[in-house]
Amino acid sequence: MAEWLADVNEACGRRAFSMDEIEAARTDVARVFGAPADRLAFVKNTSEGINIVAQGLDWQPGDNLVISTEEHENNTFPWRPLAARGVEIRVAQAGPDGLVPVDAYRALVDGRTRVVAVAWVTYGLGARADLPAFAQLCRDRDILLVVDAVQGLGILADRIDGLGADVVAAGGHKAQFSLAGAGLFHVSDRALDRLRPPFAAKYSFATLDRTDPSPAMAGDAHRFEYGNPNFLGIWVQRRSALLVESWGRGHVEDRIRELTTRLIEGADARAIPVATPRPWAARAGIVSFQLGGADADRIEGWLAQEGIRAAAKDGRIRAAPHVYNDEADVDRFLDRLSFHLRRNSSEAEAAQ
């Protein structure tokens, strides 16, 4: 950010507001996270990416799409307005363990299903979707697979273009280490021409000739961008991607696996129930803990007072360590969580 601001102050933004810099960022971000640059658009966040699909398909009354009860708001609310157009939003239900297996989606799809939308990693429980199975289900029925990747991208080393998804949307503010308001949208060859951009402006088209009455859309993912981009956000996103590349994405995944495994094993030792699936193939960077009826918001607040950032989600406490954490952080978090759970129980008993 300081580098970008220096260019604004000292060179009138020659590089800071350069579209050449935006294209360099596209090349680097695409390379680091594994996608063709011409299939990658810069968007504000996951919600905008999903809205491009929700508003860009040629929906017909009687069509349907499938989501689940465990999706974040950004993969729920964008689809809701489609009901007014006669599109059915079908919702796969989670089991008692909070998981939604592929078969729960399979039972809901039919010949009128246009989209299956799923989080790569769920925001609360931290469960990782079996994306190869979802991709197979969707390919077999010519359904578009839309993946909310915000909790997986930058954590897991899989390439974007290897997920089997037709659309991958992810805000950059989490494990990509970008800013809020800067994210990415990857579209497959199969999906590119099925999506009509809901907005259009400069850079959406194959020409900048303002006198052309019927300009053709850009032949690649540029068609989903419009007007001036988030120059600062994308500048940061590029530098952060290069930082991740310097660490090695495989190393990042290995380190997060070590830290989250320590979280789970340490919770077991302290008799704190773990809600997140245990096999690495079924989880990623999030570990969620059951609180035995304790107020999650209250526990979050107590931890925050001690400089520990964890999140109250769906009545549980969610921890999400990254490579900037170490074993001491994990152990301190678990010790303080255990302490506050006992404190909560003692106060509840005293109140009775």
Protein backbone atom coordinates (compact mmCIF):
# COMPACT_ATOMS: atom_id res chain seq x y z
CA MET A 1 0.00 0.00 0.00
CA ALA A 2 2.85 2.37 0.83
CA GLU A 3 4.45 1.60 -2.53
CA TRP A 4 1.19 2.39 -4.34
CA LEU A 5 0.64 5.63 -2.41
CA ALA A 6 4.22 6.71 -3.06
CA ASP A 7 3.61 6.41 -6.79
CA VAL A 8 0.45 8.51 -6.45
CA ASN A 9 2.29 11.20 -4.50
CA GLU A 10 5.56 11.22 -6.39
CA ALA A 11 4.65 10.26 -9.95
CA CYS A 12 1.00 11.32 -10.21
CA GLY A 13 -0.04 7.66 -10.25
CA ARG A 14 1.80 6.73 -13.44
CA ARG A 15 1.95 3.10 -12.30
CA ALA A 16 -0.69 3.20 -9.57
CA PHE A 17 -3.45 3.89 -12.12
CA SER A 18 -1.95 1.97 -15.02
CA MET A 19 -3.98 -0.71 -16.79
CA ASP A 20 -0.67 -2.34 -17.70
CA GLU A 21 -0.17 -2.91 -13.97
CA ILE A 22 -3.63 -4.46 -13.76
CA GLU A 23 -2.76 -6.88 -16.55
CA ALA A 24 0.55 -7.71 -14.87
CA ALA A 25 -1.42 -8.43 -11.70
CA ARG A 26 -3.79 -10.68 -13.62
CA THR A 27 -0.86 -12.64 -15.03
CA ASP A 28 0.79 -13.08 -11.63
CA VAL A 29 -2.36 -13.89 -9.65
CA ALA A 30 -3.45 -16.39 -12.31
CA ARG A 31 -0.05 -18.09 -12.29
CA VAL A 32 0.19 -18.28 -8.50
CA PHE A 33 -3.28 -19.71 -7.96
CA GLY A 34 -3.39 -21.83 -11.08
CA ALA A 35 -5.59 -20.53 -13.88
CA PRO A 36 -5.30 -19.14 -17.41
CA ALA A 37 -5.04 -15.36 -17.13
CA ASP A 38 -7.67 -14.83 -19.82
CA ARG A 39 -10.22 -16.74 -17.76
CA LEU A 40 -9.66 -14.63 -14.64
CA ALA A 41 -11.60 -11.46 -13.89
CA PHE A 42 -11.01 -9.09 -10.99
CA VAL A 43 -14.18 -8.55 -8.96
CA LYS A 44 -14.93 -6.95 -5.59
CA ASN A 45 -15.68 -10.11 -3.63
CA THR A 46 -17.25 -13.56 -3.62
CA SER A 47 -20.74 -12.06 -3.62
CA GLU A 48 -20.15 -10.13 -6.84
CA GLY A 49 -18.80 -13.24 -8.54
CA ILE A 50 -21.82 -15.30 -7.58
CA ASN A 51 -24.17 -12.50 -8.61
CA ILE A 52 -22.59 -12.53 -12.08
CA VAL A 53 -23.84 -16.09 -12.43
CA ALA A 54 -27.20 -15.46 -10.76
CA GLN A 55 -27.97 -12.53 -13.03
CA GLY A 56 -26.07 -13.69 -16.10
CA LEU A 57 -27.67 -17.02 -16.95
CA ASP A 58 -30.66 -17.14 -19.29
CA TRP A 59 -32.97 -18.58 -16.63
CA GLN A 60 -36.38 -19.81 -17.68
CA PRO A 61 -39.43 -20.33 -15.44
CA GLY A 62 -39.27 -23.88 -14.10
CA ASP A 63 -35.46 -23.96 -13.90
CA ASN A 64 -33.86 -24.70 -10.57
CA LEU A 65 -30.56 -24.53 -8.73
CA VAL A 66 -29.23 -26.35 -5.68
CA ILE A 67 -27.45 -24.90 -2.65
CA SER A 68 -27.27 -26.18 0.94
CA THR A 69 -28.15 -25.10 4.45
CA GLU A 70 -24.45 -24.66 5.22
CA GLU A 71 -23.66 -21.96 2.69
CA HIS A 72 -22.53 -18.49 3.71
CA GLU A 73 -24.83 -15.56 3.04
CA ASN A 74 -22.76 -14.71 -0.04
CA ASN A 75 -23.77 -18.02 -1.61
CA THR A 76 -27.37 -17.80 -0.43
CA PHE A 77 -28.79 -14.31 -0.89
CA PRO A 78 -27.61 -13.75 -4.49
CA TRP A 79 -29.87 -16.59 -5.63
CA ARG A 80 -33.02 -15.53 -3.73
CA PRO A 81 -34.30 -12.93 -6.25
CA LEU A 82 -34.49 -15.64 -8.91
CA ALA A 83 -37.60 -17.03 -7.22
CA ALA A 84 -39.51 -14.01 -8.56
CA ARG A 85 -38.56 -15.17 -12.07
CA GLY A 86 -39.95 -18.65 -11.53
CA VAL A 87 -36.63 -20.28 -10.65
CA GLU A 88 -36.73 -22.76 -7.76
CA ILE A 89 -33.97 -22.59 -5.15
CA ARG A 90 -33.56 -26.10 -3.79
CA VAL A 91 -31.75 -26.52 -0.49
CA ALA A 92 -29.84 -29.67 0.47
CA GLN A 93 -30.08 -30.32 4.20
CA ALA A 94 -27.13 -30.96 6.49
CA GLY A 95 -27.08 -34.09 8.60
CA PRO A 96 -26.74 -34.10 12.39
CA ASP A 97 -22.96 -33.78 11.94
CA GLY A 98 -23.40 -30.55 9.97
CA LEU A 99 -22.17 -32.16 6.74
CA VAL A 100 -23.97 -32.11 3.40
CA PRO A 101 -22.86 -35.07 1.26
CA VAL A 102 -22.87 -35.00 -2.52
CA ASP A 103 -25.77 -37.47 -2.49
CA ALA A 104 -27.94 -34.85 -0.77
CA TYR A 105 -27.42 -32.63 -3.83
CA ARG A 106 -27.80 -35.54 -6.25
CA ALA A 107 -31.25 -36.26 -4.85
CA LEU A 108 -32.37 -32.73 -5.75
CA VAL A 109 -31.02 -32.27 -9.28
CA ASP A 110 -33.09 -33.05 -12.33
CA GLY A 111 -33.36 -32.11 -15.99
CA ARG A 112 -34.13 -28.47 -15.15
CA THR A 113 -31.20 -27.91 -12.78
CA ARG A 114 -28.92 -25.19 -14.16
CA VAL A 115 -26.52 -24.61 -11.26
CA VAL A 116 -25.11 -26.38 -8.22
CA ALA A 117 -23.43 -23.88 -5.89
CA VAL A 118 -21.19 -25.06 -3.07
CA ALA A 119 -18.47 -23.75 -0.78
CA TRP A 120 -15.07 -25.36 -1.23
CA VAL A 121 -14.71 -25.04 2.55
CA THR A 122 -17.71 -24.12 4.69
CA TYR A 123 -17.36 -20.90 6.63
CA GLY A 124 -18.55 -22.29 9.99
CA LEU A 125 -17.78 -25.96 10.36
CA GLY A 126 -14.75 -25.84 8.08
CA ALA A 127 -15.78 -28.91 6.09
CA ARG A 128 -14.12 -29.35 2.69
CA ALA A 129 -16.40 -30.30 -0.21
CA ASP A 130 -15.61 -33.31 -2.37
CA LEU A 131 -15.25 -31.14 -5.46
CA PRO A 132 -14.25 -33.97 -7.84
CA ALA A 133 -17.53 -35.70 -7.01
CA PHE A 134 -19.49 -32.47 -7.46
CA ALA A 135 -17.73 -31.84 -10.76
CA GLN A 136 -18.60 -35.30 -12.03
CA LEU A 137 -22.24 -34.88 -11.00
CA CYS A 138 -22.47 -31.58 -12.84
CA ARG A 139 -20.62 -32.66 -15.98
CA ASP A 140 -22.81 -35.74 -16.32
CA ARG A 141 -25.93 -33.55 -16.32
CA ASP A 142 -24.54 -30.43 -18.04
CA ILE A 143 -25.02 -28.36 -14.89
CA LEU A 144 -22.74 -25.43 -14.03
CA LEU A 145 -20.75 -25.96 -10.83
CA VAL A 146 -20.23 -22.68 -8.97
CA VAL A 147 -17.70 -22.73 -6.12
CA ASP A 148 -17.34 -20.20 -3.31
CA ALA A 149 -13.59 -20.58 -2.76
CA VAL A 150 -12.92 -17.83 -0.22
CA GLN A 151 -12.15 -20.22 2.66
CA GLY A 152 -9.94 -22.48 0.54
CA LEU A 153 -7.96 -20.31 -1.86
CA GLY A 154 -4.56 -19.56 -0.37
CA ILE A 155 -4.96 -22.40 2.15
CA LEU A 156 -5.13 -25.44 -0.12
CA ALA A 157 -2.57 -25.91 -2.88
CA ASP A 158 -5.01 -27.15 -5.57
CA ARG A 159 -5.02 -25.13 -8.78
CA ILE A 160 -8.17 -23.16 -9.51
CA ASP A 161 -8.47 -24.72 -12.94
CA GLY A 162 -8.07 -28.17 -11.42
CA LEU A 163 -11.12 -27.96 -9.16
CA GLY A 164 -13.52 -29.05 -11.90
CA ALA A 165 -15.64 -25.94 -11.34
CA ASP A 166 -17.20 -23.78 -14.03
CA VAL A 167 -17.03 -20.70 -11.86
CA VAL A 168 -14.74 -20.03 -8.91
CA ALA A 169 -15.39 -16.86 -6.94
CA ALA A 170 -13.33 -15.63 -4.01
CA GLY A 171 -12.82 -12.36 -2.22
CA GLY A 172 -9.13 -11.68 -1.71
CA HIS A 173 -9.23 -10.44 1.87
CA LYS A 174 -8.68 -13.79 3.59
CA ALA A 175 -5.84 -16.19 2.78
CA GLN A 176 -4.93 -14.32 -0.40
CA PHE A 177 -3.84 -11.46 1.91
CA SER A 178 -5.46 -8.84 -0.30
CA LEU A 179 -7.89 -6.09 0.72
CA ALA A 180 -11.64 -6.13 1.11
CA GLY A 181 -13.02 -5.08 -2.26
CA ALA A 182 -10.49 -7.03 -4.32
CA GLY A 183 -11.17 -10.61 -5.37
CA LEU A 184 -11.19 -12.91 -8.35
CA PHE A 185 -13.67 -14.67 -10.61
CA HIS A 186 -12.57 -17.66 -12.71
CA VAL A 187 -14.78 -18.91 -15.50
CA SER A 188 -14.34 -22.12 -17.48
CA ASP A 189 -14.49 -22.37 -21.24
CA ARG A 190 -17.79 -24.23 -20.85
CA ALA A 191 -19.36 -21.39 -18.88
CA LEU A 192 -17.90 -18.31 -20.57
CA ASP A 193 -20.49 -17.88 -23.29
CA ARG A 194 -23.39 -19.06 -21.12
CA LEU A 195 -23.05 -16.04 -18.86
CA ARG A 196 -24.26 -12.66 -20.04
CA PRO A 197 -22.49 -9.95 -18.03
CA PRO A 198 -25.10 -8.16 -15.89
CA PHE A 199 -23.22 -4.86 -16.34
CA ALA A 200 -21.12 -3.40 -19.11
CA ALA A 201 -18.70 -0.52 -19.45
CA LYS A 202 -15.21 0.26 -20.67
CA TYR A 203 -13.09 -2.92 -20.87
CA SER A 204 -16.17 -5.18 -21.09
CA PHE A 205 -15.97 -5.09 -24.88
CA ALA A 206 -13.54 -6.11 -27.59
CA THR A 207 -13.25 -2.47 -28.69
CA LEU A 208 -12.92 0.97 -27.11
CA ASP A 209 -14.60 2.59 -30.11
CA ARG A 210 -17.48 4.57 -28.56
CA THR A 211 -19.12 5.03 -31.95
CA ASP A 212 -19.65 1.31 -32.49
CA PRO A 213 -23.40 0.76 -32.00
CA SER A 214 -23.09 -2.99 -31.40
CA PRO A 215 -19.70 -3.74 -29.88
CA ALA A 216 -18.82 -7.37 -29.33
CA MET A 217 -18.18 -8.50 -25.80
CA ALA A 218 -14.56 -9.16 -24.86
CA GLY A 219 -13.61 -12.68 -25.85
CA ASP A 220 -12.39 -13.60 -22.39
CA ALA A 221 -13.07 -12.88 -18.71
CA HIS A 222 -12.56 -9.15 -19.24
CA ARG A 223 -16.25 -9.07 -20.19
CA PHE A 224 -17.10 -9.40 -16.48
CA GLU A 225 -15.17 -6.26 -15.54
CA TYR A 226 -16.42 -2.74 -16.02
CA GLY A 227 -14.97 0.72 -15.58
CA ASN A 228 -11.95 1.55 -13.49
CA PRO A 229 -10.79 -1.39 -11.38
CA ASN A 230 -9.84 -1.33 -7.71
CA PHE A 231 -6.30 -0.16 -8.48
CA LEU A 232 -5.06 -0.23 -4.88
CA GLY A 233 -6.74 -3.52 -4.02
CA ILE A 234 -5.39 -5.27 -7.10
CA TRP A 235 -1.91 -3.83 -6.50
CA VAL A 236 -1.98 -5.40 -3.03
CA GLN A 237 -3.49 -8.61 -4.38
CA ARG A 238 -0.61 -8.98 -6.82
CA ARG A 239 2.09 -8.36 -4.18
CA SER A 240 0.37 -10.75 -1.78
CA ALA A 241 0.15 -13.45 -4.45
CA LEU A 242 3.88 -13.08 -5.07
CA LEU A 243 4.47 -13.41 -1.32
CA VAL A 244 2.44 -16.63 -1.24
CA GLU A 245 4.38 -17.86 -4.27
CA SER A 246 7.67 -17.17 -2.48
CA TRP A 247 6.55 -19.34 0.45
CA GLY A 248 5.27 -22.10 -1.83
CA ARG A 249 1.59 -22.98 -1.80
CA GLY A 250 2.35 -26.59 -0.96
CA HIS A 251 4.37 -25.43 2.04
CA VAL A 252 1.48 -23.20 3.14
CA GLU A 253 -0.95 -26.12 3.02
CA ASP A 254 1.46 -28.39 4.89
CA ARG A 255 2.00 -25.82 7.62
CA ILE A 256 -1.70 -25.16 8.08
CA ARG A 257 -2.32 -28.89 8.24
CA GLU A 258 0.25 -29.14 11.05
CA LEU A 259 -1.27 -26.28 13.04
CA THR A 260 -4.88 -27.38 12.63
CA THR A 261 -3.98 -30.96 13.55
CA ARG A 262 -2.35 -29.59 16.69
CA LEU A 263 -5.58 -27.71 17.40
CA ILE A 264 -7.66 -30.88 17.11
CA GLU A 265 -5.32 -33.05 19.14
CA GLY A 266 -4.91 -30.35 21.76
CA ALA A 267 -8.67 -29.94 22.03
CA ASP A 268 -9.02 -33.68 22.55
CA ALA A 269 -6.49 -33.52 25.36
CA ARG A 270 -8.49 -30.72 27.01
CA ALA A 271 -11.87 -32.41 26.43
CA ILE A 272 -13.08 -29.64 24.12
CA PRO A 273 -15.40 -31.19 21.51
CA VAL A 274 -14.29 -30.63 17.89
CA ALA A 275 -17.07 -30.22 15.32
CA THR A 276 -14.88 -30.09 12.20
CA PRO A 277 -14.19 -33.35 10.32
CA ARG A 278 -10.82 -34.84 11.27
CA PRO A 279 -9.38 -36.26 8.01
CA TRP A 280 -7.36 -33.64 6.17
CA ALA A 281 -9.17 -34.41 2.91
CA ALA A 282 -12.40 -33.31 4.60
CA ARG A 283 -11.17 -30.05 6.15
CA ALA A 284 -8.78 -27.16 5.57
CA GLY A 285 -7.80 -24.14 7.67
CA ILE A 286 -10.84 -23.86 9.94
CA VAL A 287 -11.34 -25.80 13.15
CA SER A 288 -14.67 -25.31 14.90
CA PHE A 289 -15.37 -26.18 18.53
CA GLN A 290 -18.60 -27.12 20.30
CA LEU A 291 -19.23 -25.08 23.43
CA GLY A 292 -21.66 -27.23 25.37
CA GLY A 293 -24.30 -24.54 25.46
CA ALA A 294 -21.96 -21.65 26.31
CA ASP A 295 -22.64 -18.32 24.59
CA ALA A 296 -20.29 -18.21 21.60
CA ASP A 297 -20.37 -14.42 21.35
CA ARG A 298 -19.42 -14.12 25.01
CA ILE A 299 -16.52 -16.55 24.61
CA GLU A 300 -15.35 -14.67 21.53
CA GLY A 301 -15.40 -11.42 23.47
CA TRP A 302 -13.38 -12.86 26.37
CA LEU A 303 -10.77 -14.21 23.96
CA ALA A 304 -10.60 -10.87 22.13
CA GLN A 305 -9.85 -9.08 25.40
CA GLU A 306 -6.73 -11.25 25.61
CA GLY A 307 -5.62 -10.51 22.06
CA ILE A 308 -6.90 -13.80 20.63
CA ARG A 309 -8.97 -13.48 17.47
CA ALA A 310 -11.45 -16.28 17.01
CA ALA A 311 -14.96 -16.09 15.60
CA ALA A 312 -18.36 -17.04 16.96
CA LYS A 313 -20.11 -18.90 14.15
CA ASP A 314 -23.38 -20.83 14.39
CA GLY A 315 -23.09 -21.26 18.15
CA ARG A 316 -19.51 -22.52 17.96
CA ILE A 317 -16.05 -20.94 18.18
CA ARG A 318 -14.04 -21.04 14.98
CA ALA A 319 -10.25 -20.84 14.87
CA ALA A 320 -8.39 -20.39 11.58
CA PRO A 321 -4.60 -20.38 11.99
CA HIS A 322 -2.30 -19.49 9.11
CA VAL A 323 1.43 -19.51 8.45
CA TYR A 324 1.92 -16.41 10.60
CA ASN A 325 0.85 -18.48 13.63
CA ASP A 326 2.99 -20.98 15.52
CA GLU A 327 2.54 -23.79 18.02
CA ALA A 328 2.61 -21.40 20.96
CA ASP A 329 -0.34 -19.49 19.50
CA VAL A 330 -2.31 -22.71 19.12
CA ASP A 331 -1.58 -23.85 22.67
CA ARG A 332 -2.39 -20.48 24.19
CA PHE A 333 -5.69 -20.32 22.33
CA LEU A 334 -6.67 -23.77 23.57
CA ASP A 335 -5.64 -23.01 27.17
CA ARG A 336 -7.65 -19.79 27.22
CA LEU A 337 -10.64 -21.36 25.49
CA SER A 338 -10.63 -24.13 28.08
CA PHE A 339 -10.36 -21.56 30.88
CA HIS A 340 -13.25 -19.47 29.55
CA LEU A 341 -15.46 -22.50 29.09
CA ARG A 342 -14.91 -23.36 32.77
CA ARG A 343 -15.50 -19.73 33.69
CA ASN A 344 -18.75 -19.70 31.75
CA SER A 345 -19.92 -22.89 33.50
CA SER A 346 -19.05 -21.47 36.94
CA GLU A 347 -20.92 -18.23 36.27
CA ALA A 348 -23.93 -20.13 34.95
CA GLU A 349 -24.01 -22.28 38.09
CA ALA A 350 -23.68 -19.21 40.31
CA ALA A 351 -26.56 -17.54 38.50
CA GLN A 352 -28.80 -20.52 39.32
